[in-house]
Every structure is written in structure tokens, then in C-alpha cells.
Amino acid sequence: MIERTGRVENPDGPVAILVPDGQAGSLYPERRGARSQLKFQLQMNISSVVPPVLSLVPEDVRFGVVESVLKTLVEDMKRKVNGSLLADYGEFKKEKLKAKL
């Protein structure tokens, strides 16, 4: 686990990770045969103060709504991160090709 800014050693070299306060994360390689992927897990605690009027709404209903909203946000974040990673990798390949020429 990493807290705040940390470094993780991976087979290809160290990877710096910035994790804000109150969160913990880990970065590790996942190998499947000849292929390898870097996986990242992030754990965070979220707390909120419920306005008095929402106390009339049953807790399981509130929980379901919050869970749905958070899942949507996480999926959107994953999609954006994956897009950024692909774009960064594309730039890396172009730079590496230029360096060879």
C-alpha cells in the first residue's frame, strides 16, 4: 500500500504515484502468460452529512442512489484514464520511433 506520494518498484523501473490524503493505493503488474498489465487499486473513504429533510427517505434508498452515482462517476473516470493512457502510449511510440530515426 502507498500513502500520499510514494514510489513503487516494478520490473521495468520505479513508478511514482500521487495519492491524496485519506486514500491508499497500490500499483502492481498482473501477468497472464506472455502479456503483462499494470493494475492500480485505490481505496478511499467518503463521508457525507445528510440534510435533515433527507432523513425522511429510507436509508436503503439513499444508499442505492449514492451507490449508483458513485459507480457512474468511477466508470467515467476509468474511461477517461484509459483514454489518456492510450493517448500517452501513442505519443511514447511516436517519440521512440523518431529517436530511432
N, C-alpha and C. Protein backbone atom coordinates (compact mmCIF):
# COMPACT_ATOMS: atom_id res chain seq x y z
N MET A 1 0.83 -1.18 0.00
CA MET A 1 0.00 0.00 0.00
C MET A 1 0.87 1.25 0.00
N ILE A 2 0.38 2.29 -0.58
CA ILE A 2 1.09 3.56 -0.65
C ILE A 2 0.21 4.62 -0.05
N GLU A 3 0.77 5.49 0.70
CA GLU A 3 0.02 6.63 1.21
C GLU A 3 0.71 7.90 0.76
N ARG A 4 -0.08 8.88 0.34
CA ARG A 4 0.42 10.14 -0.19
C ARG A 4 1.27 9.89 -1.42
N THR A 5 2.36 10.64 -1.55
CA THR A 5 3.23 10.42 -2.70
C THR A 5 4.17 9.29 -2.37
N GLY A 6 4.24 8.30 -3.23
CA GLY A 6 5.11 7.17 -2.97
C GLY A 6 5.75 6.67 -4.24
N ARG A 7 6.60 5.71 -4.09
CA ARG A 7 7.24 5.08 -5.25
C ARG A 7 7.03 3.59 -5.14
N VAL A 8 6.80 2.97 -6.26
CA VAL A 8 6.63 1.53 -6.32
C VAL A 8 7.67 1.01 -7.29
N GLU A 9 8.30 -0.08 -6.94
CA GLU A 9 9.26 -0.70 -7.85
C GLU A 9 8.51 -1.69 -8.73
N ASN A 10 8.75 -1.61 -10.03
CA ASN A 10 8.20 -2.60 -10.93
C ASN A 10 9.36 -3.13 -11.77
N PRO A 11 9.19 -4.23 -12.48
CA PRO A 11 10.30 -4.82 -13.22
C PRO A 11 10.95 -3.87 -14.23
N ASP A 12 10.19 -2.92 -14.75
CA ASP A 12 10.72 -2.00 -15.75
C ASP A 12 11.25 -0.72 -15.15
N GLY A 13 11.20 -0.57 -13.85
CA GLY A 13 11.70 0.63 -13.18
C GLY A 13 10.67 1.16 -12.20
N PRO A 14 11.05 2.17 -11.41
CA PRO A 14 10.14 2.71 -10.40
C PRO A 14 8.99 3.50 -11.03
N VAL A 15 7.87 3.49 -10.37
CA VAL A 15 6.70 4.23 -10.82
C VAL A 15 6.27 5.13 -9.67
N ALA A 16 6.19 6.43 -9.92
CA ALA A 16 5.76 7.37 -8.88
C ALA A 16 4.24 7.47 -8.90
N ILE A 17 3.67 7.49 -7.73
CA ILE A 17 2.22 7.57 -7.61
C ILE A 17 1.88 8.67 -6.63
N LEU A 18 0.97 9.55 -7.01
CA LEU A 18 0.50 10.59 -6.11
C LEU A 18 -0.88 10.19 -5.61
N VAL A 19 -0.99 10.02 -4.32
CA VAL A 19 -2.26 9.63 -3.72
C VAL A 19 -2.59 10.68 -2.66
N PRO A 20 -3.72 11.40 -2.81
CA PRO A 20 -4.08 12.43 -1.84
C PRO A 20 -4.29 11.87 -0.43
N ASP A 21 -4.30 12.77 0.55
CA ASP A 21 -4.54 12.36 1.94
C ASP A 21 -5.85 11.59 2.05
N GLY A 22 -5.88 10.65 2.97
CA GLY A 22 -7.10 9.89 3.22
C GLY A 22 -7.34 8.78 2.23
N GLN A 23 -6.37 8.52 1.36
CA GLN A 23 -6.52 7.46 0.37
C GLN A 23 -5.29 6.58 0.40
N ALA A 24 -5.44 5.38 -0.06
CA ALA A 24 -4.31 4.46 -0.16
C ALA A 24 -4.42 3.75 -1.51
N GLY A 25 -3.29 3.47 -2.12
CA GLY A 25 -3.32 2.82 -3.42
C GLY A 25 -2.16 1.88 -3.59
N SER A 26 -2.30 0.98 -4.52
CA SER A 26 -1.20 0.07 -4.85
C SER A 26 -1.17 -0.13 -6.36
N LEU A 27 0.04 -0.27 -6.87
CA LEU A 27 0.27 -0.49 -8.28
C LEU A 27 1.07 -1.77 -8.41
N TYR A 28 0.60 -2.69 -9.24
CA TYR A 28 1.28 -3.98 -9.34
C TYR A 28 1.10 -4.55 -10.74
N PRO A 29 2.07 -5.37 -11.20
CA PRO A 29 1.92 -6.00 -12.51
C PRO A 29 1.04 -7.24 -12.41
N GLU A 30 0.22 -7.44 -13.40
CA GLU A 30 -0.60 -8.65 -13.48
C GLU A 30 -0.16 -9.38 -14.75
N ARG A 31 0.44 -10.53 -14.56
CA ARG A 31 0.97 -11.27 -15.70
C ARG A 31 0.01 -12.38 -16.11
N ARG A 32 -0.23 -12.47 -17.40
CA ARG A 32 -1.04 -13.55 -17.97
C ARG A 32 -0.28 -14.10 -19.15
N GLY A 33 0.45 -15.17 -18.92
CA GLY A 33 1.27 -15.75 -19.98
C GLY A 33 2.36 -14.78 -20.39
N ALA A 34 2.42 -14.49 -21.68
CA ALA A 34 3.44 -13.57 -22.20
C ALA A 34 3.04 -12.11 -22.03
N ARG A 35 1.79 -11.86 -21.69
CA ARG A 35 1.30 -10.49 -21.57
C ARG A 35 1.36 -10.03 -20.12
N SER A 36 1.50 -8.74 -19.94
CA SER A 36 1.55 -8.17 -18.61
C SER A 36 0.81 -6.84 -18.62
N GLN A 37 0.07 -6.57 -17.56
CA GLN A 37 -0.63 -5.30 -17.42
C GLN A 37 -0.30 -4.73 -16.05
N LEU A 38 -0.28 -3.41 -15.96
CA LEU A 38 -0.17 -2.78 -14.66
C LEU A 38 -1.58 -2.55 -14.13
N LYS A 39 -1.81 -2.94 -12.91
CA LYS A 39 -3.10 -2.75 -12.27
C LYS A 39 -2.92 -1.75 -11.14
N PHE A 40 -3.93 -0.96 -10.89
CA PHE A 40 -3.90 0.02 -9.82
C PHE A 40 -5.17 -0.12 -9.00
N GLN A 41 -5.00 -0.20 -7.71
CA GLN A 41 -6.14 -0.24 -6.81
C GLN A 41 -6.08 0.98 -5.92
N LEU A 42 -7.21 1.61 -5.73
CA LEU A 42 -7.29 2.80 -4.89
C LEU A 42 -8.40 2.59 -3.88
N GLN A 43 -8.09 2.89 -2.65
CA GLN A 43 -9.09 2.79 -1.59
C GLN A 43 -9.28 4.18 -1.01
N MET A 44 -10.52 4.62 -0.92
CA MET A 44 -10.80 5.92 -0.33
C MET A 44 -12.03 5.84 0.54
N ASN A 45 -12.06 6.67 1.53
CA ASN A 45 -13.21 6.77 2.41
C ASN A 45 -13.98 8.03 2.05
N ILE A 46 -15.28 7.89 1.94
CA ILE A 46 -16.14 9.02 1.61
C ILE A 46 -17.17 9.15 2.72
N SER A 47 -17.31 10.33 3.25
CA SER A 47 -18.34 10.56 4.26
C SER A 47 -19.14 11.79 3.85
N SER A 48 -20.35 11.85 4.31
CA SER A 48 -21.20 12.98 3.98
C SER A 48 -22.13 13.29 5.14
N VAL A 49 -22.64 14.49 5.12
CA VAL A 49 -23.62 14.91 6.12
C VAL A 49 -24.96 15.00 5.38
N VAL A 50 -25.92 14.27 5.89
CA VAL A 50 -27.24 14.23 5.25
C VAL A 50 -28.10 15.36 5.79
N PRO A 51 -28.66 16.18 4.90
CA PRO A 51 -29.57 17.23 5.36
C PRO A 51 -30.76 16.62 6.09
N PRO A 52 -31.29 17.31 7.09
CA PRO A 52 -32.40 16.76 7.89
C PRO A 52 -33.60 16.29 7.06
N VAL A 53 -33.88 16.99 5.97
CA VAL A 53 -35.05 16.61 5.17
C VAL A 53 -34.86 15.23 4.53
N LEU A 54 -33.61 14.84 4.24
CA LEU A 54 -33.37 13.53 3.64
C LEU A 54 -33.49 12.39 4.65
N SER A 55 -33.61 12.72 5.92
CA SER A 55 -33.80 11.66 6.91
C SER A 55 -35.17 10.99 6.73
N LEU A 56 -36.06 11.65 6.00
CA LEU A 56 -37.37 11.06 5.71
C LEU A 56 -37.27 9.96 4.65
N VAL A 57 -36.21 9.99 3.85
CA VAL A 57 -36.00 8.97 2.82
C VAL A 57 -35.34 7.77 3.48
N PRO A 58 -35.86 6.57 3.24
CA PRO A 58 -35.27 5.38 3.86
C PRO A 58 -33.78 5.25 3.52
N GLU A 59 -33.01 4.75 4.48
CA GLU A 59 -31.56 4.66 4.33
C GLU A 59 -31.17 3.78 3.14
N ASP A 60 -31.87 2.67 2.93
CA ASP A 60 -31.50 1.80 1.81
C ASP A 60 -31.72 2.48 0.46
N VAL A 61 -32.73 3.35 0.37
CA VAL A 61 -32.97 4.10 -0.86
C VAL A 61 -31.85 5.11 -1.08
N ARG A 62 -31.50 5.85 -0.02
CA ARG A 62 -30.39 6.82 -0.12
C ARG A 62 -29.10 6.10 -0.52
N PHE A 63 -28.83 4.96 0.11
CA PHE A 63 -27.62 4.21 -0.19
C PHE A 63 -27.60 3.77 -1.64
N GLY A 64 -28.74 3.29 -2.14
CA GLY A 64 -28.82 2.86 -3.54
C GLY A 64 -28.55 3.99 -4.52
N VAL A 65 -29.08 5.16 -4.23
CA VAL A 65 -28.86 6.32 -5.10
C VAL A 65 -27.39 6.73 -5.08
N VAL A 66 -26.82 6.81 -3.88
CA VAL A 66 -25.40 7.19 -3.76
C VAL A 66 -24.51 6.16 -4.45
N GLU A 67 -24.80 4.89 -4.26
CA GLU A 67 -24.01 3.84 -4.89
C GLU A 67 -24.08 3.95 -6.41
N SER A 68 -25.25 4.20 -6.95
CA SER A 68 -25.42 4.33 -8.39
C SER A 68 -24.64 5.53 -8.93
N VAL A 69 -24.72 6.65 -8.24
CA VAL A 69 -23.99 7.85 -8.66
C VAL A 69 -22.49 7.61 -8.63
N LEU A 70 -22.00 6.99 -7.54
CA LEU A 70 -20.56 6.73 -7.43
C LEU A 70 -20.07 5.75 -8.49
N LYS A 71 -20.86 4.72 -8.78
CA LYS A 71 -20.48 3.77 -9.83
C LYS A 71 -20.37 4.47 -11.17
N THR A 72 -21.32 5.36 -11.46
CA THR A 72 -21.28 6.12 -12.71
C THR A 72 -20.04 7.00 -12.78
N LEU A 73 -19.73 7.67 -11.67
CA LEU A 73 -18.54 8.53 -11.63
C LEU A 73 -17.26 7.72 -11.82
N VAL A 74 -17.17 6.57 -11.17
CA VAL A 74 -15.98 5.73 -11.29
C VAL A 74 -15.82 5.20 -12.71
N GLU A 75 -16.90 4.77 -13.32
CA GLU A 75 -16.82 4.28 -14.70
C GLU A 75 -16.38 5.39 -15.65
N ASP A 76 -16.89 6.60 -15.43
CA ASP A 76 -16.48 7.74 -16.25
C ASP A 76 -14.99 8.04 -16.05
N MET A 77 -14.53 8.00 -14.81
CA MET A 77 -13.11 8.22 -14.53
C MET A 77 -12.26 7.15 -15.20
N LYS A 78 -12.67 5.89 -15.11
CA LYS A 78 -11.91 4.81 -15.74
C LYS A 78 -11.82 5.01 -17.24
N ARG A 79 -12.92 5.41 -17.86
CA ARG A 79 -12.94 5.63 -19.30
C ARG A 79 -11.97 6.76 -19.68
N LYS A 80 -11.98 7.84 -18.90
CA LYS A 80 -11.09 8.96 -19.18
C LYS A 80 -9.63 8.57 -18.97
N VAL A 81 -9.34 7.84 -17.90
CA VAL A 81 -7.96 7.41 -17.62
C VAL A 81 -7.48 6.48 -18.72
N ASN A 82 -8.30 5.53 -19.12
CA ASN A 82 -7.90 4.61 -20.20
C ASN A 82 -7.63 5.37 -21.50
N GLY A 83 -8.46 6.35 -21.80
CA GLY A 83 -8.24 7.17 -23.00
C GLY A 83 -6.93 7.94 -22.91
N SER A 84 -6.66 8.50 -21.74
CA SER A 84 -5.40 9.24 -21.54
C SER A 84 -4.20 8.32 -21.66
N LEU A 85 -4.31 7.13 -21.08
CA LEU A 85 -3.20 6.18 -21.16
C LEU A 85 -2.91 5.78 -22.60
N LEU A 86 -3.97 5.53 -23.37
CA LEU A 86 -3.78 5.17 -24.77
C LEU A 86 -3.14 6.31 -25.55
N ALA A 87 -3.59 7.54 -25.29
CA ALA A 87 -3.01 8.70 -25.97
C ALA A 87 -1.54 8.87 -25.58
N ASP A 88 -1.23 8.73 -24.29
CA ASP A 88 0.15 8.85 -23.83
C ASP A 88 1.03 7.77 -24.45
N TYR A 89 0.52 6.56 -24.52
CA TYR A 89 1.30 5.47 -25.11
C TYR A 89 1.53 5.73 -26.60
N GLY A 90 0.52 6.25 -27.28
CA GLY A 90 0.69 6.60 -28.69
C GLY A 90 1.79 7.63 -28.89
N GLU A 91 1.80 8.66 -28.02
CA GLU A 91 2.86 9.67 -28.08
C GLU A 91 4.22 9.06 -27.79
N PHE A 92 4.27 8.17 -26.82
CA PHE A 92 5.52 7.50 -26.47
C PHE A 92 6.06 6.71 -27.66
N LYS A 93 5.17 5.98 -28.35
CA LYS A 93 5.61 5.20 -29.51
C LYS A 93 6.14 6.11 -30.61
N LYS A 94 5.46 7.25 -30.84
CA LYS A 94 5.92 8.19 -31.86
C LYS A 94 7.29 8.75 -31.51
N GLU A 95 7.49 9.14 -30.25
CA GLU A 95 8.77 9.69 -29.81
C GLU A 95 9.88 8.64 -29.93
N LYS A 96 9.56 7.42 -29.57
CA LYS A 96 10.56 6.36 -29.64
C LYS A 96 10.94 6.08 -31.10
N LEU A 97 9.96 6.12 -31.99
CA LEU A 97 10.23 5.91 -33.42
C LEU A 97 11.10 7.05 -33.96
N LYS A 98 10.79 8.30 -33.57
CA LYS A 98 11.60 9.44 -34.00
C LYS A 98 13.03 9.32 -33.49
N ALA A 99 13.20 8.83 -32.27
CA ALA A 99 14.53 8.69 -31.69
C ALA A 99 15.36 7.66 -32.45
N LYS A 100 14.71 6.64 -32.99
CA LYS A 100 15.42 5.61 -33.75
C LYS A 100 15.88 6.14 -35.10
N LEU A 101 15.13 7.09 -35.65
CA LEU A 101 15.47 7.63 -36.98
C LEU A 101 16.51 8.66 -36.84
